Amino acid sequence: QVQLVESGGGLVQTGGSLRLSCAASGRTFSIYAMGWFRQAPGKERDFVATINWSGSITYYADAVNGRFTISRDNAKNTVSLQMNSLQPEDTAVYYCAAHFDSGNYYPRKTQSGYPYWGQGTQVTVSS
């Protein structure tokens, strides 16, 4: 099992940047594929980005593609989400999630694909 703790959220103006981090503990971090999701008030939790165990494969939601970058450092047991050109519609609680990567990786874009979750970190983009 793996435990996940997000950090780096905050308040930023439109057009600004934030970098979210997710620290993992427990089982060997490098066996997990990682994902970021977000949930705005009154809305479903939506897929943002995912990365395979080695960091060689990434996928993004259309809404963030070209603005957000997911990366990982297996030596430090962390996954990050660099968010640039932030817009008010990016305001949400951002969650880090993990699932075992057996090597037959495919991008999981629904909550049900991730058994492990962090507690979330709030990102607010002011207009």
Protein backbone atom coordinates (compact mmCIF):
# COMPACT_ATOMS: atom_id res chain seq x y z
CA GLN A 1 0.00 0.00 0.00
CA VAL A 2 1.11 3.59 -0.57
CA GLN A 3 0.24 6.79 1.28
CA LEU A 4 0.03 10.07 -0.60
CA VAL A 5 0.29 13.66 0.64
CA GLU A 6 -0.18 16.65 -1.66
CA SER A 7 1.27 20.11 -1.17
CA GLY A 8 1.83 23.32 -3.10
CA GLY A 9 -1.69 24.57 -3.53
CA GLY A 10 -2.63 28.20 -2.97
CA LEU A 11 -4.05 31.38 -4.42
CA VAL A 12 -2.70 32.69 -7.71
CA GLN A 13 -3.79 35.30 -10.23
CA THR A 14 -4.95 34.48 -13.73
CA GLY A 15 -1.96 33.69 -15.91
CA GLY A 16 0.18 32.67 -12.99
CA SER A 17 1.85 29.37 -12.15
CA LEU A 18 1.85 26.85 -9.34
CA ARG A 19 3.71 23.61 -8.77
CA LEU A 20 1.95 20.85 -6.89
CA SER A 21 3.85 18.01 -5.29
CA CYS A 22 2.74 14.63 -4.03
CA ALA A 23 4.94 12.76 -1.60
CA ALA A 24 4.53 8.99 -1.40
CA SER A 25 5.40 6.65 1.43
CA GLY A 26 4.89 2.99 2.07
CA ARG A 27 5.60 0.50 -0.67
CA THR A 28 8.15 1.07 -3.42
CA PHE A 29 7.06 4.21 -5.25
CA SER A 30 8.41 3.18 -8.62
CA ILE A 31 5.93 0.35 -9.04
CA TYR A 32 3.02 2.79 -9.19
CA ALA A 33 1.64 4.84 -12.01
CA MET A 34 0.46 8.20 -10.77
CA GLY A 35 -2.34 10.55 -11.64
CA TRP A 36 -3.68 13.98 -10.82
CA PHE A 37 -7.39 14.73 -10.64
CA ARG A 38 -9.30 17.85 -9.66
CA GLN A 39 -12.72 18.62 -8.27
CA ALA A 40 -14.39 21.99 -8.45
CA PRO A 41 -17.27 22.83 -6.07
CA GLY A 42 -20.44 21.03 -7.11
CA LYS A 43 -18.73 19.12 -9.90
CA GLU A 44 -17.38 15.66 -10.56
CA ARG A 45 -13.76 14.77 -9.89
CA ASP A 46 -12.05 15.06 -13.26
CA PHE A 47 -8.90 13.57 -14.69
CA VAL A 48 -6.01 15.99 -15.19
CA ALA A 49 -2.85 14.02 -15.99
CA THR A 50 -1.18 10.67 -15.53
CA ILE A 51 2.34 9.26 -15.74
CA ASN A 52 3.64 5.71 -15.88
CA TRP A 53 6.06 4.16 -13.40
CA SER A 54 9.22 5.32 -15.17
CA GLY A 55 8.02 8.75 -16.26
CA SER A 56 8.38 7.89 -19.94
CA ILE A 57 4.66 8.06 -20.75
CA THR A 58 2.30 10.90 -19.88
CA TYR A 59 -1.27 11.80 -20.78
CA TYR A 60 -3.23 14.97 -20.20
CA ALA A 61 -6.81 16.10 -20.24
CA ASP A 62 -7.57 18.34 -23.19
CA ALA A 63 -8.34 21.22 -20.84
CA VAL A 64 -4.79 21.33 -19.48
CA ASN A 65 -2.71 19.96 -22.35
CA GLY A 66 0.06 22.40 -23.18
CA ARG A 67 -0.26 24.25 -19.86
CA PHE A 68 0.33 21.54 -17.25
CA THR A 69 3.24 19.12 -16.98
CA ILE A 70 3.33 15.99 -14.86
CA SER A 71 6.68 14.56 -13.79
CA ARG A 72 8.08 12.22 -11.18
CA ASP A 73 11.28 11.61 -9.25
CA ASN A 74 11.41 8.00 -8.14
CA ALA A 75 14.53 8.63 -6.07
CA LYS A 76 12.58 11.16 -4.01
CA ASN A 77 9.23 9.35 -4.11
CA THR A 78 7.46 12.37 -5.51
CA VAL A 79 5.23 13.27 -8.41
CA SER A 80 4.71 16.89 -9.44
CA LEU A 81 2.26 18.89 -11.48
CA GLN A 82 3.61 22.12 -12.94
CA MET A 83 0.68 24.37 -13.79
CA ASN A 84 1.23 27.37 -16.04
CA SER A 85 -1.11 29.95 -17.56
CA LEU A 86 -3.66 29.26 -14.86
CA GLN A 87 -7.25 30.29 -15.45
CA PRO A 88 -10.18 30.75 -13.04
CA GLU A 89 -11.68 27.51 -14.37
CA ASP A 90 -8.63 25.67 -13.00
CA THR A 91 -9.85 26.45 -9.48
CA ALA A 92 -10.41 23.16 -7.70
CA VAL A 93 -9.13 20.77 -5.10
CA TYR A 94 -6.33 18.78 -6.73
CA TYR A 95 -5.82 15.16 -5.79
CA CYS A 96 -2.88 12.86 -6.30
CA ALA A 97 -3.67 9.20 -6.97
CA ALA A 98 -1.79 5.95 -7.59
CA HIS A 99 -2.28 2.50 -9.04
CA PHE A 100 0.06 -0.44 -9.49
CA ASP A 101 1.83 -0.34 -12.85
CA SER A 102 2.40 -3.92 -13.97
CA GLY A 103 4.25 -2.77 -17.07
CA ASN A 104 1.24 -3.05 -19.38
CA TYR A 105 0.55 0.62 -18.87
CA TYR A 106 -2.42 2.44 -20.30
CA PRO A 107 -3.69 5.83 -19.14
CA ARG A 108 -6.39 5.47 -16.53
CA LYS A 109 -8.63 8.52 -16.68
CA THR A 110 -11.34 7.63 -14.18
CA GLN A 111 -11.34 7.60 -10.39
CA SER A 112 -12.13 3.91 -10.29
CA GLY A 113 -8.73 3.14 -11.81
CA TYR A 114 -6.87 4.45 -8.77
CA PRO A 115 -7.14 2.68 -5.41
CA TYR A 116 -4.86 5.11 -3.56
CA TRP A 117 -5.59 8.79 -3.01
CA GLY A 118 -4.21 11.79 -1.18
CA GLN A 119 -6.29 14.24 0.82
CA GLY A 120 -6.15 17.01 -1.80
CA THR A 121 -4.77 20.53 -2.00
CA GLN A 122 -6.77 23.64 -2.88
CA VAL A 123 -5.86 25.70 -5.92
CA THR A 124 -7.66 29.01 -6.38
CA VAL A 125 -7.13 31.19 -9.43
CA SER A 126 -8.42 34.72 -9.08
CA SER A 127 -9.62 36.72 -12.08
